[in-house]
Amino acid sequence: MDTLKQLVIILSFGFLGEVLSFYLPLGMPASVLGLVLMLAALGSKLLKPTHLGAAADYLTANMAFFFLPAAVTVLENYGLLKPVLVQLIIVGILSTAITFFVSYGTVRLCRILLARKGS
């Protein structure tokens, strides 16, 4: 499947998530809903990873491009952020460390449980 078709499939799930989020009061962001729908399609074998491969690889390789609007917004609103900049940096560092250690603990626990199951 060529990259454009794969990109259309990925964007279709995002659009479907937007539509469902608009019409159903699920309390879930549309982007997350679209990803859940894509995961369900992949899990049920309606969609195969090969249907998304090249487009997903391209989007992942160029992920920094998607952070540009957020970075520009932060720079434009620097005056608002300046009084709390130190607190934001501390929160960023702490949340990154907590996420790292929770992920490490989860992987370690999964490995222990899988080792017990294999024995």
PDB file of N, CA and C in Angstrom:
ATOM      1  N   MET A   1       0.845  -1.177   0.000  1.00  0.00           N
ATOM      2  CA  MET A   1       0.000   0.000   0.000  1.00  0.00           C
ATOM      3  C   MET A   1       0.889   1.239   0.000  1.00  0.00           C
ATOM      4  N   ASP A   2       0.582   2.191  -0.803  1.00  0.00           N
ATOM      5  CA  ASP A   2       1.450   3.357  -0.853  1.00  0.00           C
ATOM      6  C   ASP A   2       1.195   4.283   0.347  1.00  0.00           C
ATOM      7  N   THR A   3       2.123   5.157   0.564  1.00  0.00           N
ATOM      8  CA  THR A   3       2.130   5.998   1.757  1.00  0.00           C
ATOM      9  C   THR A   3       0.901   6.893   1.850  1.00  0.00           C
ATOM     10  N   LEU A   4       0.440   7.407   0.736  1.00  0.00           N
ATOM     11  CA  LEU A   4      -0.724   8.294   0.761  1.00  0.00           C
ATOM     12  C   LEU A   4      -1.972   7.556   1.246  1.00  0.00           C
ATOM     13  N   LYS A   5      -2.179   6.330   0.778  1.00  0.00           N
ATOM     14  CA  LYS A   5      -3.324   5.535   1.241  1.00  0.00           C
ATOM     15  C   LYS A   5      -3.208   5.251   2.729  1.00  0.00           C
ATOM     16  N   GLN A   6      -2.001   4.953   3.180  1.00  0.00           N
ATOM     17  CA  GLN A   6      -1.793   4.688   4.602  1.00  0.00           C
ATOM     18  C   GLN A   6      -2.081   5.929   5.433  1.00  0.00           C
ATOM     19  N   LEU A   7      -1.657   7.082   4.935  1.00  0.00           N
ATOM     20  CA  LEU A   7      -1.914   8.329   5.629  1.00  0.00           C
ATOM     21  C   LEU A   7      -3.412   8.628   5.693  1.00  0.00           C
ATOM     22  N   VAL A   8      -4.126   8.326   4.626  1.00  0.00           N
ATOM     23  CA  VAL A   8      -5.579   8.511   4.608  1.00  0.00           C
ATOM     24  C   VAL A   8      -6.243   7.615   5.655  1.00  0.00           C
ATOM     25  N   ILE A   9      -5.762   6.391   5.804  1.00  0.00           N
ATOM     26  CA  ILE A   9      -6.310   5.478   6.816  1.00  0.00           C
ATOM     27  C   ILE A   9      -6.091   6.059   8.208  1.00  0.00           C
ATOM     28  N   ILE A  10      -4.885   6.524   8.496  1.00  0.00           N
ATOM     29  CA  ILE A  10      -4.574   7.086   9.808  1.00  0.00           C
ATOM     30  C   ILE A  10      -5.437   8.315  10.079  1.00  0.00           C
ATOM     31  N   LEU A  11      -5.529   9.210   9.101  1.00  0.00           N
ATOM     32  CA  LEU A  11      -6.331  10.424   9.264  1.00  0.00           C
ATOM     33  C   LEU A  11      -7.820  10.106   9.367  1.00  0.00           C
ATOM     34  N   SER A  12      -8.274   9.045   8.725  1.00  0.00           N
ATOM     35  CA  SER A  12      -9.675   8.642   8.815  1.00  0.00           C
ATOM     36  C   SER A  12     -10.045   8.247  10.239  1.00  0.00           C
ATOM     37  N   PHE A  13      -9.148   7.555  10.917  1.00  0.00           N
ATOM     38  CA  PHE A  13      -9.407   7.212  12.313  1.00  0.00           C
ATOM     39  C   PHE A  13      -9.454   8.467  13.182  1.00  0.00           C
ATOM     40  N   GLY A  14      -8.600   9.421  12.887  1.00  0.00           N
ATOM     41  CA  GLY A  14      -8.642  10.685  13.614  1.00  0.00           C
ATOM     42  C   GLY A  14      -9.949  11.422  13.372  1.00  0.00           C
ATOM     43  N   PHE A  15     -10.408  11.434  12.118  1.00  0.00           N
ATOM     44  CA  PHE A  15     -11.669  12.086  11.781  1.00  0.00           C
ATOM     45  C   PHE A  15     -12.842  11.373  12.440  1.00  0.00           C
ATOM     46  N   LEU A  16     -12.820  10.043  12.427  1.00  0.00           N
ATOM     47  CA  LEU A  16     -13.878   9.269  13.074  1.00  0.00           C
ATOM     48  C   LEU A  16     -13.915   9.564  14.572  1.00  0.00           C
ATOM     49  N   GLY A  17     -12.748   9.697  15.174  1.00  0.00           N
ATOM     50  CA  GLY A  17     -12.689  10.077  16.583  1.00  0.00           C
ATOM     51  C   GLY A  17     -13.297  11.450  16.824  1.00  0.00           C
ATOM     52  N   GLU A  18     -13.038  12.399  15.904  1.00  0.00           N
ATOM     53  CA  GLU A  18     -13.623  13.743  16.010  1.00  0.00           C
ATOM     54  C   GLU A  18     -15.139  13.687  15.921  1.00  0.00           C
ATOM     55  N   VAL A  19     -15.654  12.921  14.977  1.00  0.00           N
ATOM     56  CA  VAL A  19     -17.103  12.815  14.790  1.00  0.00           C
ATOM     57  C   VAL A  19     -17.756  12.188  16.017  1.00  0.00           C
ATOM     58  N   LEU A  20     -17.193  11.079  16.488  1.00  0.00           N
ATOM     59  CA  LEU A  20     -17.769  10.413  17.662  1.00  0.00           C
ATOM     60  C   LEU A  20     -17.689  11.293  18.902  1.00  0.00           C
ATOM     61  N   SER A  21     -16.593  11.997  19.060  1.00  0.00           N
ATOM     62  CA  SER A  21     -16.437  12.886  20.209  1.00  0.00           C
ATOM     63  C   SER A  21     -17.454  14.021  20.168  1.00  0.00           C
ATOM     64  N   PHE A  22     -17.791  14.486  18.972  1.00  0.00           N
ATOM     65  CA  PHE A  22     -18.756  15.574  18.827  1.00  0.00           C
ATOM     66  C   PHE A  22     -20.173  15.106  19.165  1.00  0.00           C
ATOM     67  N   TYR A  23     -20.550  13.902  18.707  1.00  0.00           N
ATOM     68  CA  TYR A  23     -21.920  13.429  18.862  1.00  0.00           C
ATOM     69  C   TYR A  23     -22.173  12.620  20.127  1.00  0.00           C
ATOM     70  N   LEU A  24     -21.140  12.038  20.704  1.00  0.00           N
ATOM     71  CA  LEU A  24     -21.316  11.225  21.911  1.00  0.00           C
ATOM     72  C   LEU A  24     -20.632  11.894  23.096  1.00  0.00           C
ATOM     73  N   PRO A  25     -21.319  11.987  24.230  1.00  0.00           N
ATOM     74  CA  PRO A  25     -20.708  12.624  25.410  1.00  0.00           C
ATOM     75  C   PRO A  25     -19.820  11.636  26.171  1.00  0.00           C
ATOM     76  N   LEU A  26     -18.691  11.278  25.598  1.00  0.00           N
ATOM     77  CA  LEU A  26     -17.811  10.286  26.212  1.00  0.00           C
ATOM     78  C   LEU A  26     -16.814  10.899  27.186  1.00  0.00           C
ATOM     79  N   GLY A  27     -16.580  12.196  27.088  1.00  0.00           N
ATOM     80  CA  GLY A  27     -15.608  12.829  27.971  1.00  0.00           C
ATOM     81  C   GLY A  27     -14.179  12.436  27.644  1.00  0.00           C
ATOM     82  N   MET A  28     -13.939  12.021  26.426  1.00  0.00           N
ATOM     83  CA  MET A  28     -12.612  11.598  25.994  1.00  0.00           C
ATOM     84  C   MET A  28     -12.190  12.480  24.819  1.00  0.00           C
ATOM     85  N   PRO A  29     -10.933  12.940  24.808  1.00  0.00           N
ATOM     86  CA  PRO A  29     -10.500  13.748  23.666  1.00  0.00           C
ATOM     87  C   PRO A  29     -10.633  12.976  22.355  1.00  0.00           C
ATOM     88  N   ALA A  30     -10.951  13.698  21.309  1.00  0.00           N
ATOM     89  CA  ALA A  30     -11.181  13.067  20.011  1.00  0.00           C
ATOM     90  C   ALA A  30      -9.951  12.333  19.504  1.00  0.00           C
ATOM     91  N   SER A  31      -8.770  12.896  19.734  1.00  0.00           N
ATOM     92  CA  SER A  31      -7.552  12.237  19.255  1.00  0.00           C
ATOM     93  C   SER A  31      -7.330  10.901  19.956  1.00  0.00           C
ATOM     94  N   VAL A  32      -7.619  10.866  21.247  1.00  0.00           N
ATOM     95  CA  VAL A  32      -7.475   9.617  22.002  1.00  0.00           C
ATOM     96  C   VAL A  32      -8.512   8.610  21.537  1.00  0.00           C
ATOM     97  N   LEU A  33      -9.727   9.071  21.300  1.00  0.00           N
ATOM     98  CA  LEU A  33     -10.779   8.188  20.822  1.00  0.00           C
ATOM     99  C   LEU A  33     -10.414   7.590  19.462  1.00  0.00           C
ATOM    100  N   GLY A  34      -9.838   8.408  18.577  1.00  0.00           N
ATOM    101  CA  GLY A  34      -9.397   7.903  17.286  1.00  0.00           C
ATOM    102  C   GLY A  34      -8.313   6.842  17.427  1.00  0.00           C
ATOM    103  N   LEU A  35      -7.379   7.064  18.363  1.00  0.00           N
ATOM    104  CA  LEU A  35      -6.325   6.067  18.585  1.00  0.00           C
ATOM    105  C   LEU A  35      -6.884   4.781  19.178  1.00  0.00           C
ATOM    106  N   VAL A  36      -7.876   4.894  20.060  1.00  0.00           N
ATOM    107  CA  VAL A  36      -8.516   3.702  20.634  1.00  0.00           C
ATOM    108  C   VAL A  36      -9.229   2.924  19.534  1.00  0.00           C
ATOM    109  N   LEU A  37      -9.896   3.629  18.634  1.00  0.00           N
ATOM    110  CA  LEU A  37     -10.558   2.951  17.515  1.00  0.00           C
ATOM    111  C   LEU A  37      -9.545   2.252  16.606  1.00  0.00           C
ATOM    112  N   MET A  38      -8.419   2.910  16.364  1.00  0.00           N
ATOM    113  CA  MET A  38      -7.372   2.285  15.550  1.00  0.00           C
ATOM    114  C   MET A  38      -6.804   1.053  16.250  1.00  0.00           C
ATOM    115  N   LEU A  39      -6.604   1.150  17.562  1.00  0.00           N
ATOM    116  CA  LEU A  39      -6.119   0.000  18.333  1.00  0.00           C
ATOM    117  C   LEU A  39      -7.115  -1.152  18.263  1.00  0.00           C
ATOM    118  N   ALA A  40      -8.408  -0.834  18.357  1.00  0.00           N
ATOM    119  CA  ALA A  40      -9.431  -1.877  18.261  1.00  0.00           C
ATOM    120  C   ALA A  40      -9.410  -2.528  16.878  1.00  0.00           C
ATOM    121  N   ALA A  41      -9.233  -1.726  15.839  1.00  0.00           N
ATOM    122  CA  ALA A  41      -9.170  -2.278  14.481  1.00  0.00           C
ATOM    123  C   ALA A  41      -7.932  -3.154  14.312  1.00  0.00           C
ATOM    124  N   LEU A  42      -6.814  -2.733  14.888  1.00  0.00           N
ATOM    125  CA  LEU A  42      -5.601  -3.551  14.814  1.00  0.00           C
ATOM    126  C   LEU A  42      -5.760  -4.833  15.626  1.00  0.00           C
ATOM    127  N   GLY A  43      -6.353  -4.724  16.805  1.00  0.00           N
ATOM    128  CA  GLY A  43      -6.532  -5.895  17.667  1.00  0.00           C
ATOM    129  C   GLY A  43      -7.495  -6.908  17.090  1.00  0.00           C
ATOM    130  N   SER A  44      -8.501  -6.436  16.364  1.00  0.00           N
ATOM    131  CA  SER A  44      -9.485  -7.348  15.774  1.00  0.00           C
ATOM    132  C   SER A  44      -9.063  -7.842  14.387  1.00  0.00           C
ATOM    133  N   LYS A  45      -7.873  -7.474  13.969  1.00  0.00           N
ATOM    134  CA  LYS A  45      -7.299  -7.886  12.681  1.00  0.00           C
ATOM    135  C   LYS A  45      -8.038  -7.306  11.477  1.00  0.00           C
ATOM    136  N   LEU A  46      -8.922  -6.305  11.694  1.00  0.00           N
ATOM    137  CA  LEU A  46      -9.534  -5.605  10.563  1.00  0.00           C
ATOM    138  C   LEU A  46      -8.501  -4.748   9.841  1.00  0.00           C
ATOM    139  N   LEU A  47      -7.515  -4.314  10.598  1.00  0.00           N
ATOM    140  CA  LEU A  47      -6.445  -3.482  10.078  1.00  0.00           C
ATOM    141  C   LEU A  47      -5.127  -4.154  10.444  1.00  0.00           C
ATOM    142  N   LYS A  48      -4.235  -4.247   9.501  1.00  0.00           N
ATOM    143  CA  LYS A  48      -2.942  -4.875   9.755  1.00  0.00           C
ATOM    144  C   LYS A  48      -1.872  -3.793   9.861  1.00  0.00           C
ATOM    145  N   PRO A  49      -0.827  -4.045  10.639  1.00  0.00           N
ATOM    146  CA  PRO A  49       0.250  -3.054  10.749  1.00  0.00           C
ATOM    147  C   PRO A  49       0.856  -2.671   9.402  1.00  0.00           C
ATOM    148  N   THR A  50       0.828  -3.578   8.448  1.00  0.00           N
ATOM    149  CA  THR A  50       1.367  -3.261   7.118  1.00  0.00           C
ATOM    150  C   THR A  50       0.524  -2.209   6.404  1.00  0.00           C
ATOM    151  N   HIS A  51      -0.745  -2.058   6.820  1.00  0.00           N
ATOM    152  CA  HIS A  51      -1.612  -1.037   6.234  1.00  0.00           C
ATOM    153  C   HIS A  51      -1.210   0.368   6.663  1.00  0.00           C
ATOM    154  N   LEU A  52      -0.380   0.467   7.705  1.00  0.00           N
ATOM    155  CA  LEU A  52       0.000   1.767   8.256  1.00  0.00           C
ATOM    156  C   LEU A  52       1.497   2.020   8.227  1.00  0.00           C
ATOM    157  N   GLY A  53       2.287   1.005   7.911  1.00  0.00           N
ATOM    158  CA  GLY A  53       3.733   1.014   8.079  1.00  0.00           C
ATOM    159  C   GLY A  53       4.493   2.229   7.607  1.00  0.00           C
ATOM    160  N   ALA A  54       4.509   2.493   6.316  1.00  0.00           N
ATOM    161  CA  ALA A  54       5.344   3.564   5.772  1.00  0.00           C
ATOM    162  C   ALA A  54       4.900   4.939   6.256  1.00  0.00           C
ATOM    163  N   ALA A  55       3.581   5.166   6.311  1.00  0.00           N
ATOM    164  CA  ALA A  55       3.082   6.466   6.776  1.00  0.00           C
ATOM    165  C   ALA A  55       3.388   6.663   8.254  1.00  0.00           C
ATOM    166  N   ALA A  56       3.222   5.616   9.051  1.00  0.00           N
ATOM    167  CA  ALA A  56       3.523   5.716  10.478  1.00  0.00           C
ATOM    168  C   ALA A  56       5.014   5.963  10.705  1.00  0.00           C
ATOM    169  N   ASP A  57       5.862   5.292   9.926  1.00  0.00           N
ATOM    170  CA  ASP A  57       7.305   5.517  10.032  1.00  0.00           C
ATOM    171  C   ASP A  57       7.667   6.949   9.658  1.00  0.00           C
ATOM    172  N   TYR A  58       7.026   7.468   8.611  1.00  0.00           N
ATOM    173  CA  TYR A  58       7.284   8.842   8.182  1.00  0.00           C
ATOM    174  C   TYR A  58       6.860   9.835   9.268  1.00  0.00           C
ATOM    175  N   LEU A  59       5.675   9.643   9.820  1.00  0.00           N
ATOM    176  CA  LEU A  59       5.184  10.554  10.861  1.00  0.00           C
ATOM    177  C   LEU A  59       6.063  10.493  12.104  1.00  0.00           C
ATOM    178  N   THR A  60       6.516   9.301  12.464  1.00  0.00           N
ATOM    179  CA  THR A  60       7.381   9.151  13.627  1.00  0.00           C
ATOM    180  C   THR A  60       8.738   9.813  13.390  1.00  0.00           C
ATOM    181  N   ALA A  61       9.274   9.654  12.200  1.00  0.00           N
ATOM    182  CA  ALA A  61      10.581  10.243  11.882  1.00  0.00           C
ATOM    183  C   ALA A  61      10.528  11.770  11.880  1.00  0.00           C
ATOM    184  N   ASN A  62       9.375  12.339  11.587  1.00  0.00           N
ATOM    185  CA  ASN A  62       9.230  13.790  11.519  1.00  0.00           C
ATOM    186  C   ASN A  62       8.388  14.338  12.673  1.00  0.00           C
ATOM    187  N   MET A  63       8.428  13.667  13.802  1.00  0.00           N
ATOM    188  CA  MET A  63       7.596  14.041  14.939  1.00  0.00           C
ATOM    189  C   MET A  63       7.914  15.439  15.473  1.00  0.00           C
ATOM    190  N   ALA A  64       9.149  15.847  15.391  1.00  0.00           N
ATOM    191  CA  ALA A  64       9.536  17.169  15.900  1.00  0.00           C
ATOM    192  C   ALA A  64       8.750  18.277  15.211  1.00  0.00           C
ATOM    193  N   PHE A  65       8.383  18.059  13.956  1.00  0.00           N
ATOM    194  CA  PHE A  65       7.604  19.041  13.207  1.00  0.00           C
ATOM    195  C   PHE A  65       6.277  19.354  13.894  1.00  0.00           C
ATOM    196  N   PHE A  66       5.688  18.349  14.554  1.00  0.00           N
ATOM    197  CA  PHE A  66       4.385  18.533  15.182  1.00  0.00           C
ATOM    198  C   PHE A  66       4.468  19.314  16.491  1.00  0.00           C
ATOM    199  N   PHE A  67       5.664  19.471  17.030  1.00  0.00           N
ATOM    200  CA  PHE A  67       5.833  20.235  18.260  1.00  0.00           C
ATOM    201  C   PHE A  67       6.093  21.712  17.989  1.00  0.00           C
ATOM    202  N   LEU A  68       6.309  22.091  16.749  1.00  0.00           N
ATOM    203  CA  LEU A  68       6.589  23.486  16.424  1.00  0.00           C
ATOM    204  C   LEU A  68       5.465  24.440  16.825  1.00  0.00           C
ATOM    205  N   PRO A  69       4.200  24.155  16.542  1.00  0.00           N
ATOM    206  CA  PRO A  69       3.153  25.097  16.963  1.00  0.00           C
ATOM    207  C   PRO A  69       3.122  25.312  18.478  1.00  0.00           C
ATOM    208  N   ALA A  70       3.310  24.255  19.239  1.00  0.00           N
ATOM    209  CA  ALA A  70       3.322  24.396  20.695  1.00  0.00           C
ATOM    210  C   ALA A  70       4.522  25.218  21.146  1.00  0.00           C
ATOM    211  N   ALA A  71       5.679  24.997  20.532  1.00  0.00           N
ATOM    212  CA  ALA A  71       6.879  25.753  20.899  1.00  0.00           C
ATOM    213  C   ALA A  71       6.718  27.237  20.564  1.00  0.00           C
ATOM    214  N   VAL A  72       6.119  27.528  19.432  1.00  0.00           N
ATOM    215  CA  VAL A  72       5.895  28.922  19.048  1.00  0.00           C
ATOM    216  C   VAL A  72       4.922  29.587  20.016  1.00  0.00           C
ATOM    217  N   THR A  73       3.885  28.867  20.423  1.00  0.00           N
ATOM    218  CA  THR A  73       2.924  29.411  21.384  1.00  0.00           C
ATOM    219  C   THR A  73       3.590  29.713  22.717  1.00  0.00           C
ATOM    220  N   VAL A  74       4.469  28.829  23.165  1.00  0.00           N
ATOM    221  CA  VAL A  74       5.193  29.076  24.411  1.00  0.00           C
ATOM    222  C   VAL A  74       6.051  30.326  24.283  1.00  0.00           C
ATOM    223  N   LEU A  75       6.744  30.467  23.152  1.00  0.00           N
ATOM    224  CA  LEU A  75       7.586  31.651  22.952  1.00  0.00           C
ATOM    225  C   LEU A  75       6.763  32.930  22.867  1.00  0.00           C
ATOM    226  N   GLU A  76       5.597  32.859  22.240  1.00  0.00           N
ATOM    227  CA  GLU A  76       4.740  34.035  22.134  1.00  0.00           C
ATOM    228  C   GLU A  76       4.192  34.464  23.501  1.00  0.00           C
ATOM    229  N   ASN A  77       3.984  33.498  24.380  1.00  0.00           N
ATOM    230  CA  ASN A  77       3.408  33.778  25.698  1.00  0.00           C
ATOM    231  C   ASN A  77       4.453  33.748  26.805  1.00  0.00           C
ATOM    232  N   TYR A  78       5.688  33.999  26.460  1.00  0.00           N
ATOM    233  CA  TYR A  78       6.764  33.961  27.441  1.00  0.00           C
ATOM    234  C   TYR A  78       6.503  34.926  28.597  1.00  0.00           C
ATOM    235  N   GLY A  79       5.936  36.077  28.303  1.00  0.00           N
ATOM    236  CA  GLY A  79       5.644  37.059  29.352  1.00  0.00           C
ATOM    237  C   GLY A  79       4.705  36.506  30.408  1.00  0.00           C
ATOM    238  N   LEU A  80       3.749  35.682  30.004  1.00  0.00           N
ATOM    239  CA  LEU A  80       2.830  35.066  30.956  1.00  0.00           C
ATOM    240  C   LEU A  80       3.501  33.952  31.757  1.00  0.00           C
ATOM    241  N   LEU A  81       4.446  33.276  31.133  1.00  0.00           N
ATOM    242  CA  LEU A  81       5.103  32.134  31.770  1.00  0.00           C
ATOM    243  C   LEU A  81       6.283  32.530  32.652  1.00  0.00           C
ATOM    244  N   LYS A  82       6.853  33.693  32.406  1.00  0.00           N
ATOM    245  CA  LYS A  82       8.066  34.109  33.102  1.00  0.00           C
ATOM    246  C   LYS A  82       7.940  34.064  34.622  1.00  0.00           C
ATOM    247  N   PRO A  83       6.833  34.527  35.227  1.00  0.00           N
ATOM    248  CA  PRO A  83       6.741  34.482  36.694  1.00  0.00           C
ATOM    249  C   PRO A  83       6.730  33.067  37.283  1.00  0.00           C
ATOM    250  N   VAL A  84       6.306  32.096  36.509  1.00  0.00           N
ATOM    251  CA  VAL A  84       6.214  30.726  37.030  1.00  0.00           C
ATOM    252  C   VAL A  84       7.165  29.774  36.310  1.00  0.00           C
ATOM    253  N   LEU A  85       8.168  30.318  35.636  1.00  0.00           N
ATOM    254  CA  LEU A  85       9.069  29.497  34.830  1.00  0.00           C
ATOM    255  C   LEU A  85       9.824  28.471  35.667  1.00  0.00           C
ATOM    256  N   VAL A  86      10.324  28.868  36.828  1.00  0.00           N
ATOM    257  CA  VAL A  86      11.074  27.940  37.686  1.00  0.00           C
ATOM    258  C   VAL A  86      10.170  26.798  38.137  1.00  0.00           C
ATOM    259  N   GLN A  87       8.933  27.125  38.517  1.00  0.00           N
ATOM    260  CA  GLN A  87       7.998  26.077  38.935  1.00  0.00           C
ATOM    261  C   GLN A  87       7.687  25.124  37.784  1.00  0.00           C
ATOM    262  N   LEU A  88       7.514  25.657  36.583  1.00  0.00           N
ATOM    263  CA  LEU A  88       7.249  24.801  35.425  1.00  0.00           C
ATOM    264  C   LEU A  88       8.417  23.866  35.135  1.00  0.00           C
ATOM    265  N   ILE A  89       9.628  24.375  35.262  1.00  0.00           N
ATOM    266  CA  ILE A  89      10.807  23.534  35.030  1.00  0.00           C
ATOM    267  C   ILE A  89      10.894  22.438  36.084  1.00  0.00           C
ATOM    268  N   ILE A  90      10.648  22.784  37.338  1.00  0.00           N
ATOM    269  CA  ILE A  90      10.679  21.778  38.411  1.00  0.00           C
ATOM    270  C   ILE A  90       9.614  20.714  38.186  1.00  0.00           C
ATOM    271  N   VAL A  91       8.404  21.137  37.832  1.00  0.00           N
ATOM    272  CA  VAL A  91       7.324  20.176  37.567  1.00  0.00           C
ATOM    273  C   VAL A  91       7.692  19.286  36.382  1.00  0.00           C
ATOM    274  N   GLY A  92       8.279  19.859  35.343  1.00  0.00           N
ATOM    275  CA  GLY A  92       8.692  19.075  34.180  1.00  0.00           C
ATOM    276  C   GLY A  92       9.727  18.023  34.532  1.00  0.00           C
ATOM    277  N   ILE A  93      10.725  18.423  35.329  1.00  0.00           N
ATOM    278  CA  ILE A  93      11.776  17.481  35.731  1.00  0.00           C
ATOM    279  C   ILE A  93      11.210  16.384  36.623  1.00  0.00           C
ATOM    280  N   LEU A  94      10.391  16.771  37.607  1.00  0.00           N
ATOM    281  CA  LEU A  94       9.817  15.777  38.523  1.00  0.00           C
ATOM    282  C   LEU A  94       8.874  14.814  37.804  1.00  0.00           C
ATOM    283  N   SER A  95       8.024  15.344  36.927  1.00  0.00           N
ATOM    284  CA  SER A  95       7.087  14.458  36.232  1.00  0.00           C
ATOM    285  C   SER A  95       7.825  13.519  35.281  1.00  0.00           C
ATOM    286  N   THR A  96       8.909  13.984  34.685  1.00  0.00           N
ATOM    287  CA  THR A  96       9.708  13.106  33.819  1.00  0.00           C
ATOM    288  C   THR A  96      10.354  11.994  34.635  1.00  0.00           C
ATOM    289  N   ALA A  97      10.905  12.347  35.787  1.00  0.00           N
ATOM    290  CA  ALA A  97      11.535  11.337  36.650  1.00  0.00           C
ATOM    291  C   ALA A  97      10.510  10.329  37.157  1.00  0.00           C
ATOM    292  N   ILE A  98       9.349  10.819  37.589  1.00  0.00           N
ATOM    293  CA  ILE A  98       8.304   9.912  38.084  1.00  0.00           C
ATOM    294  C   ILE A  98       7.846   8.975  36.968  1.00  0.00           C
ATOM    295  N   THR A  99       7.631   9.518  35.785  1.00  0.00           N
ATOM    296  CA  THR A  99       7.220   8.686  34.653  1.00  0.00           C
ATOM    297  C   THR A  99       8.270   7.631  34.328  1.00  0.00           C
ATOM    298  N   PHE A 100       9.544   8.020  34.367  1.00  0.00           N
ATOM    299  CA  PHE A 100      10.618   7.075  34.101  1.00  0.00           C
ATOM    300  C   PHE A 100      10.600   5.926  35.111  1.00  0.00           C
ATOM    301  N   PHE A 101      10.517   6.259  36.407  1.00  0.00           N
ATOM    302  CA  PHE A 101      10.575   5.215  37.422  1.00  0.00           C
ATOM    303  C   PHE A 101       9.323   4.341  37.444  1.00  0.00           C
ATOM    304  N   VAL A 102       8.161   4.916  37.180  1.00  0.00           N
ATOM    305  CA  VAL A 102       6.944   4.106  37.103  1.00  0.00           C
ATOM    306  C   VAL A 102       7.020   3.169  35.903  1.00  0.00           C
ATOM    307  N   SER A 103       7.512   3.652  34.775  1.00  0.00           N
ATOM    308  CA  SER A 103       7.665   2.798  33.592  1.00  0.00           C
ATOM    309  C   SER A 103       8.658   1.674  33.864  1.00  0.00           C
ATOM    310  N   TYR A 104       9.770   2.027  34.516  1.00  0.00           N
ATOM    311  CA  TYR A 104      10.772   1.017  34.873  1.00  0.00           C
ATOM    312  C   TYR A 104      10.159  -0.042  35.779  1.00  0.00           C
ATOM    313  N   GLY A 105       9.412   0.393  36.780  1.00  0.00           N
ATOM    314  CA  GLY A 105       8.787  -0.555  37.707  1.00  0.00           C
ATOM    315  C   GLY A 105       7.771  -1.441  37.018  1.00  0.00           C
ATOM    316  N   THR A 106       7.014  -0.870  36.093  1.00  0.00           N
ATOM    317  CA  THR A 106       6.015  -1.642  35.368  1.00  0.00           C
ATOM    318  C   THR A 106       6.677  -2.706  34.498  1.00  0.00           C
ATOM    319  N   VAL A 107       7.717  -2.325  33.784  1.00  0.00           N
ATOM    320  CA  VAL A 107       8.426  -3.294  32.937  1.00  0.00           C
ATOM    321  C   VAL A 107       9.053  -4.381  33.793  1.00  0.00           C
ATOM    322  N   ARG A 108       9.645  -3.994  34.902  1.00  0.00           N
ATOM    323  CA  ARG A 108      10.280  -4.984  35.784  1.00  0.00           C
ATOM    324  C   ARG A 108       9.241  -5.958  36.337  1.00  0.00           C
ATOM    325  N   LEU A 109       8.089  -5.438  36.780  1.00  0.00           N
ATOM    326  CA  LEU A 109       7.024  -6.289  37.296  1.00  0.00           C
ATOM    327  C   LEU A 109       6.510  -7.234  36.213  1.00  0.00           C
ATOM    328  N   CYS A 110       6.331  -6.731  35.003  1.00  0.00           N
ATOM    329  CA  CYS A 110       5.873  -7.586  33.902  1.00  0.00           C
ATOM    330  C   CYS A 110       6.879  -8.694  33.605  1.00  0.00           C
ATOM    331  N   ARG A 111       8.159  -8.362  33.638  1.00  0.00           N
ATOM    332  CA  ARG A 111       9.184  -9.383  33.387  1.00  0.00           C
ATOM    333  C   ARG A 111       9.176 -10.455  34.480  1.00  0.00           C
ATOM    334  N   ILE A 112       8.988 -10.038  35.737  1.00  0.00           N
ATOM    335  CA  ILE A 112       8.924 -10.997  36.841  1.00  0.00           C
ATOM    336  C   ILE A 112       7.711 -11.913  36.669  1.00  0.00           C
ATOM    337  N   LEU A 113       6.559 -11.319  36.383  1.00  0.00           N
ATOM    338  CA  LEU A 113       5.345 -12.116  36.210  1.00  0.00           C
ATOM    339  C   LEU A 113       5.444 -13.060  35.017  1.00  0.00           C
ATOM    340  N   LEU A 114       6.038 -12.588  33.925  1.00  0.00           N
ATOM    341  CA  LEU A 114       6.204 -13.475  32.760  1.00  0.00           C
ATOM    342  C   LEU A 114       7.193 -14.600  33.044  1.00  0.00           C
ATOM    343  N   ALA A 115       8.227 -14.320  33.825  1.00  0.00           N
ATOM    344  CA  ALA A 115       9.199 -15.354  34.184  1.00  0.00           C
ATOM    345  C   ALA A 115       8.528 -16.418  35.054  1.00  0.00           C
ATOM    346  N   ARG A 116       7.674 -16.001  35.979  1.00  0.00           N
ATOM    347  CA  ARG A 116       6.944 -16.964  36.829  1.00  0.00           C
ATOM    348  C   ARG A 116       5.999 -17.795  35.991  1.00  0.00           C
ATOM    349  N   LYS A 117       5.321 -17.156  35.044  1.00  0.00           N
ATOM    350  CA  LYS A 117       4.377 -17.871  34.199  1.00  0.00           C
ATOM    351  C   LYS A 117       5.081 -18.899  33.318  1.00  0.00           C
ATOM    352  N   GLY A 118       6.291 -18.559  32.869  1.00  0.00           N
ATOM    353  CA  GLY A 118       7.067 -19.463  32.017  1.00  0.00           C
ATOM    354  C   GLY A 118       7.655 -20.643  32.773  1.00  0.00           C
ATOM    355  N   SER A 119       7.803 -20.509  34.084  1.00  0.00           N
ATOM    356  CA  SER A 119       8.415 -21.599  34.883  1.00  0.00           C
ATOM    357  C   SER A 119       7.465 -22.717  35.169  1.00  0.00           C
TER     358      SER A 119
END
